[in-house]
Amino acid sequence: MFIKSPSTDLIIVLVIVLLIFGPKRLPGLGRQLGQGMREFKDSITGHSKDDEAESRPELTSASASASTPEPASAQRESASQRSA
């Protein structure tokens, strides 16, 4: 690139990035770059967090309906049907 030593090129690029973005934004940029690289690697290899979620057992309809409360309007309708 500029000089025959790769480490000197890297230092020059890092100084230019520091001057452009400033020291306050560099940690955020590094974090975003790392997340992007991790997501790219996961998409290439086929590993993802969704694969881990698929190994969990699914809820059955009986246990799902018991755990979710009925809306208030449905409770009023069922109470009025019982009294009638």
N, C-alpha and C. Protein backbone atom coordinates (compact mmCIF):
# COMPACT_ATOMS: atom_id res chain seq x y z
N MET A 1 0.84 -1.17 0.00
CA MET A 1 0.00 0.00 0.00
C MET A 1 0.89 1.24 0.00
N PHE A 2 1.16 1.84 1.16
CA PHE A 2 1.98 3.05 1.21
C PHE A 2 3.47 2.70 1.30
N ILE A 3 3.78 1.87 2.26
CA ILE A 3 5.16 1.50 2.54
C ILE A 3 5.22 -0.03 2.52
N LYS A 4 6.38 -0.59 2.37
CA LYS A 4 6.50 -2.03 2.21
C LYS A 4 6.23 -2.82 3.48
N SER A 5 6.13 -2.18 4.62
CA SER A 5 5.87 -2.88 5.88
C SER A 5 4.36 -2.88 6.17
N PRO A 6 3.75 -4.06 6.35
CA PRO A 6 2.31 -4.10 6.62
C PRO A 6 1.92 -3.48 7.95
N SER A 7 2.79 -3.55 8.94
CA SER A 7 2.45 -2.98 10.25
C SER A 7 2.39 -1.45 10.17
N THR A 8 3.23 -0.84 9.36
CA THR A 8 3.20 0.61 9.20
C THR A 8 1.90 1.03 8.51
N ASP A 9 1.47 0.26 7.53
CA ASP A 9 0.19 0.55 6.86
C ASP A 9 -0.96 0.49 7.85
N LEU A 10 -0.94 -0.51 8.71
CA LEU A 10 -2.00 -0.66 9.71
C LEU A 10 -2.03 0.52 10.66
N ILE A 11 -0.88 0.94 11.11
CA ILE A 11 -0.81 2.09 12.03
C ILE A 11 -1.33 3.34 11.35
N ILE A 12 -0.98 3.56 10.11
CA ILE A 12 -1.46 4.74 9.38
C ILE A 12 -2.98 4.71 9.23
N VAL A 13 -3.54 3.56 8.90
CA VAL A 13 -4.99 3.43 8.76
C VAL A 13 -5.67 3.67 10.09
N LEU A 14 -5.13 3.12 11.17
CA LEU A 14 -5.74 3.32 12.50
C LEU A 14 -5.70 4.79 12.93
N VAL A 15 -4.62 5.49 12.63
CA VAL A 15 -4.53 6.92 12.96
C VAL A 15 -5.56 7.71 12.16
N ILE A 16 -5.74 7.38 10.90
CA ILE A 16 -6.73 8.08 10.07
C ILE A 16 -8.14 7.82 10.61
N VAL A 17 -8.44 6.58 10.98
CA VAL A 17 -9.76 6.25 11.54
C VAL A 17 -9.97 7.00 12.85
N LEU A 18 -8.93 7.08 13.69
CA LEU A 18 -9.04 7.82 14.94
C LEU A 18 -9.32 9.29 14.69
N LEU A 19 -8.68 9.87 13.70
CA LEU A 19 -8.90 11.28 13.39
C LEU A 19 -10.31 11.52 12.84
N ILE A 20 -10.81 10.59 12.04
CA ILE A 20 -12.13 10.78 11.43
C ILE A 20 -13.26 10.59 12.45
N PHE A 21 -13.21 9.51 13.22
CA PHE A 21 -14.33 9.18 14.11
C PHE A 21 -14.15 9.69 15.53
N GLY A 22 -12.95 9.87 15.99
CA GLY A 22 -12.71 10.36 17.34
C GLY A 22 -12.69 9.22 18.34
N PRO A 23 -12.10 9.48 19.52
CA PRO A 23 -11.95 8.41 20.51
C PRO A 23 -13.26 7.98 21.17
N LYS A 24 -14.27 8.82 21.15
CA LYS A 24 -15.54 8.46 21.81
C LYS A 24 -16.34 7.43 21.02
N ARG A 25 -16.23 7.48 19.70
CA ARG A 25 -17.04 6.58 18.87
C ARG A 25 -16.34 5.28 18.52
N LEU A 26 -15.04 5.17 18.75
CA LEU A 26 -14.30 3.97 18.37
C LEU A 26 -14.78 2.70 19.08
N PRO A 27 -15.07 2.70 20.39
CA PRO A 27 -15.56 1.46 21.01
C PRO A 27 -16.87 0.98 20.41
N GLY A 28 -17.78 1.89 20.11
CA GLY A 28 -19.05 1.52 19.49
C GLY A 28 -18.86 0.96 18.09
N LEU A 29 -17.95 1.58 17.34
CA LEU A 29 -17.67 1.08 15.99
C LEU A 29 -17.05 -0.31 16.03
N GLY A 30 -16.15 -0.52 16.99
CA GLY A 30 -15.54 -1.84 17.13
C GLY A 30 -16.55 -2.90 17.53
N ARG A 31 -17.47 -2.53 18.41
CA ARG A 31 -18.53 -3.46 18.84
C ARG A 31 -19.44 -3.82 17.67
N GLN A 32 -19.82 -2.83 16.89
CA GLN A 32 -20.67 -3.08 15.73
C GLN A 32 -19.97 -3.93 14.68
N LEU A 33 -18.69 -3.67 14.48
CA LEU A 33 -17.92 -4.48 13.54
C LEU A 33 -17.83 -5.93 14.00
N GLY A 34 -17.60 -6.12 15.29
CA GLY A 34 -17.53 -7.48 15.84
C GLY A 34 -18.85 -8.22 15.72
N GLN A 35 -19.97 -7.53 16.00
CA GLN A 35 -21.28 -8.17 15.87
C GLN A 35 -21.58 -8.52 14.42
N GLY A 36 -21.20 -7.64 13.50
CA GLY A 36 -21.42 -7.91 12.08
C GLY A 36 -20.61 -9.10 11.61
N MET A 37 -19.36 -9.17 12.05
CA MET A 37 -18.52 -10.31 11.67
C MET A 37 -19.06 -11.61 12.27
N ARG A 38 -19.55 -11.56 13.52
CA ARG A 38 -20.10 -12.74 14.16
C ARG A 38 -21.36 -13.22 13.44
N GLU A 39 -22.24 -12.29 13.07
CA GLU A 39 -23.46 -12.66 12.36
C GLU A 39 -23.14 -13.23 10.97
N PHE A 40 -22.14 -12.66 10.31
CA PHE A 40 -21.73 -13.17 9.01
C PHE A 40 -21.19 -14.59 9.14
N LYS A 41 -20.34 -14.82 10.14
CA LYS A 41 -19.77 -16.15 10.34
C LYS A 41 -20.88 -17.16 10.66
N ASP A 42 -21.83 -16.76 11.52
CA ASP A 42 -22.94 -17.66 11.86
C ASP A 42 -23.79 -17.98 10.65
N SER A 43 -24.00 -17.01 9.77
CA SER A 43 -24.82 -17.27 8.58
C SER A 43 -24.09 -18.18 7.60
N ILE A 44 -22.78 -18.06 7.53
CA ILE A 44 -21.99 -18.91 6.63
C ILE A 44 -21.94 -20.34 7.15
N THR A 45 -21.70 -20.51 8.46
CA THR A 45 -21.55 -21.85 9.02
C THR A 45 -22.89 -22.50 9.32
N GLY A 46 -23.96 -21.73 9.39
CA GLY A 46 -25.28 -22.29 9.66
C GLY A 46 -25.63 -22.35 11.13
N HIS A 47 -24.77 -21.86 12.00
CA HIS A 47 -25.05 -21.83 13.43
C HIS A 47 -25.77 -20.54 13.77
N SER A 48 -26.80 -20.65 14.60
CA SER A 48 -27.48 -19.45 15.05
C SER A 48 -28.18 -19.73 16.37
N LYS A 49 -28.67 -18.68 17.00
CA LYS A 49 -29.38 -18.84 18.27
C LYS A 49 -30.73 -19.51 18.05
N ASP A 50 -31.30 -19.40 16.85
CA ASP A 50 -32.58 -20.02 16.56
C ASP A 50 -32.49 -21.54 16.59
N ASP A 51 -31.32 -22.09 16.22
CA ASP A 51 -31.14 -23.54 16.25
C ASP A 51 -31.26 -24.06 17.68
N GLU A 52 -30.74 -23.31 18.64
CA GLU A 52 -30.82 -23.73 20.04
C GLU A 52 -32.26 -23.70 20.53
N ALA A 53 -33.04 -22.74 20.07
CA ALA A 53 -34.43 -22.63 20.51
C ALA A 53 -35.29 -23.77 19.98
N GLU A 54 -34.91 -24.32 18.80
CA GLU A 54 -35.69 -25.40 18.22
C GLU A 54 -35.55 -26.70 18.99
N SER A 55 -34.50 -26.86 19.77
CA SER A 55 -34.31 -28.09 20.53
C SER A 55 -35.19 -28.14 21.77
N ARG A 56 -35.80 -27.03 22.15
CA ARG A 56 -36.68 -27.00 23.31
C ARG A 56 -38.01 -27.67 22.97
N PRO A 57 -38.63 -28.33 23.94
CA PRO A 57 -39.95 -28.94 23.67
C PRO A 57 -41.02 -27.86 23.50
N GLU A 58 -41.96 -28.14 22.62
CA GLU A 58 -43.03 -27.18 22.38
C GLU A 58 -44.13 -27.35 23.42
N LEU A 59 -44.84 -26.27 23.67
CA LEU A 59 -45.97 -26.32 24.59
C LEU A 59 -47.15 -26.99 23.91
N THR A 60 -47.87 -27.76 24.68
CA THR A 60 -49.09 -28.35 24.14
C THR A 60 -50.21 -27.34 24.30
N SER A 61 -51.32 -27.58 23.62
CA SER A 61 -52.42 -26.62 23.69
C SER A 61 -53.02 -26.55 25.09
N ALA A 62 -53.04 -27.64 25.83
CA ALA A 62 -53.61 -27.63 27.17
C ALA A 62 -52.75 -26.80 28.11
N SER A 63 -51.45 -26.97 28.05
CA SER A 63 -50.60 -26.21 28.96
C SER A 63 -50.49 -24.75 28.51
N ALA A 64 -50.60 -24.49 27.22
CA ALA A 64 -50.54 -23.11 26.73
C ALA A 64 -51.79 -22.35 27.13
N SER A 65 -52.96 -22.99 27.05
CA SER A 65 -54.19 -22.28 27.41
C SER A 65 -54.30 -22.09 28.91
N ALA A 66 -53.73 -22.97 29.69
CA ALA A 66 -53.78 -22.83 31.14
C ALA A 66 -52.85 -21.71 31.61
N SER A 67 -51.78 -21.49 30.90
CA SER A 67 -50.82 -20.49 31.34
C SER A 67 -51.19 -19.08 30.88
N THR A 68 -52.02 -18.93 29.84
CA THR A 68 -52.40 -17.61 29.36
C THR A 68 -53.77 -17.25 29.92
N PRO A 69 -53.88 -16.10 30.57
CA PRO A 69 -55.17 -15.70 31.14
C PRO A 69 -56.14 -15.27 30.04
N GLU A 70 -57.42 -15.45 30.32
CA GLU A 70 -58.44 -15.02 29.37
C GLU A 70 -58.61 -13.51 29.44
N PRO A 71 -58.97 -12.87 28.34
CA PRO A 71 -59.26 -11.45 28.38
C PRO A 71 -60.50 -11.18 29.25
N ALA A 72 -60.61 -9.98 29.76
CA ALA A 72 -61.71 -9.63 30.66
C ALA A 72 -63.06 -9.76 29.97
N SER A 73 -63.14 -9.44 28.69
CA SER A 73 -64.42 -9.53 27.98
C SER A 73 -64.86 -10.98 27.87
N ALA A 74 -63.92 -11.91 27.67
CA ALA A 74 -64.27 -13.32 27.57
C ALA A 74 -64.72 -13.85 28.93
N GLN A 75 -64.13 -13.35 30.01
CA GLN A 75 -64.54 -13.78 31.35
C GLN A 75 -65.95 -13.29 31.65
N ARG A 76 -66.27 -12.06 31.23
CA ARG A 76 -67.63 -11.54 31.47
C ARG A 76 -68.66 -12.33 30.68
N GLU A 77 -68.33 -12.67 29.43
CA GLU A 77 -69.27 -13.44 28.61
C GLU A 77 -69.51 -14.82 29.20
N SER A 78 -68.46 -15.47 29.68
CA SER A 78 -68.65 -16.80 30.25
C SER A 78 -69.43 -16.72 31.56
N ALA A 79 -69.25 -15.64 32.34
CA ALA A 79 -70.00 -15.49 33.57
C ALA A 79 -71.48 -15.21 33.28
N SER A 80 -71.76 -14.43 32.24
CA SER A 80 -73.15 -14.16 31.91
C SER A 80 -73.83 -15.40 31.34
N GLN A 81 -73.10 -16.25 30.64
CA GLN A 81 -73.68 -17.49 30.13
C GLN A 81 -73.98 -18.45 31.27
N ARG A 82 -73.17 -18.48 32.30
CA ARG A 82 -73.40 -19.36 33.44
C ARG A 82 -74.64 -18.93 34.23
N SER A 83 -74.83 -17.62 34.36
CA SER A 83 -75.95 -17.13 35.15
C SER A 83 -77.28 -17.24 34.39
N ALA A 84 -77.24 -17.31 33.09
CA ALA A 84 -78.46 -17.37 32.31
C ALA A 84 -79.04 -18.73 32.19
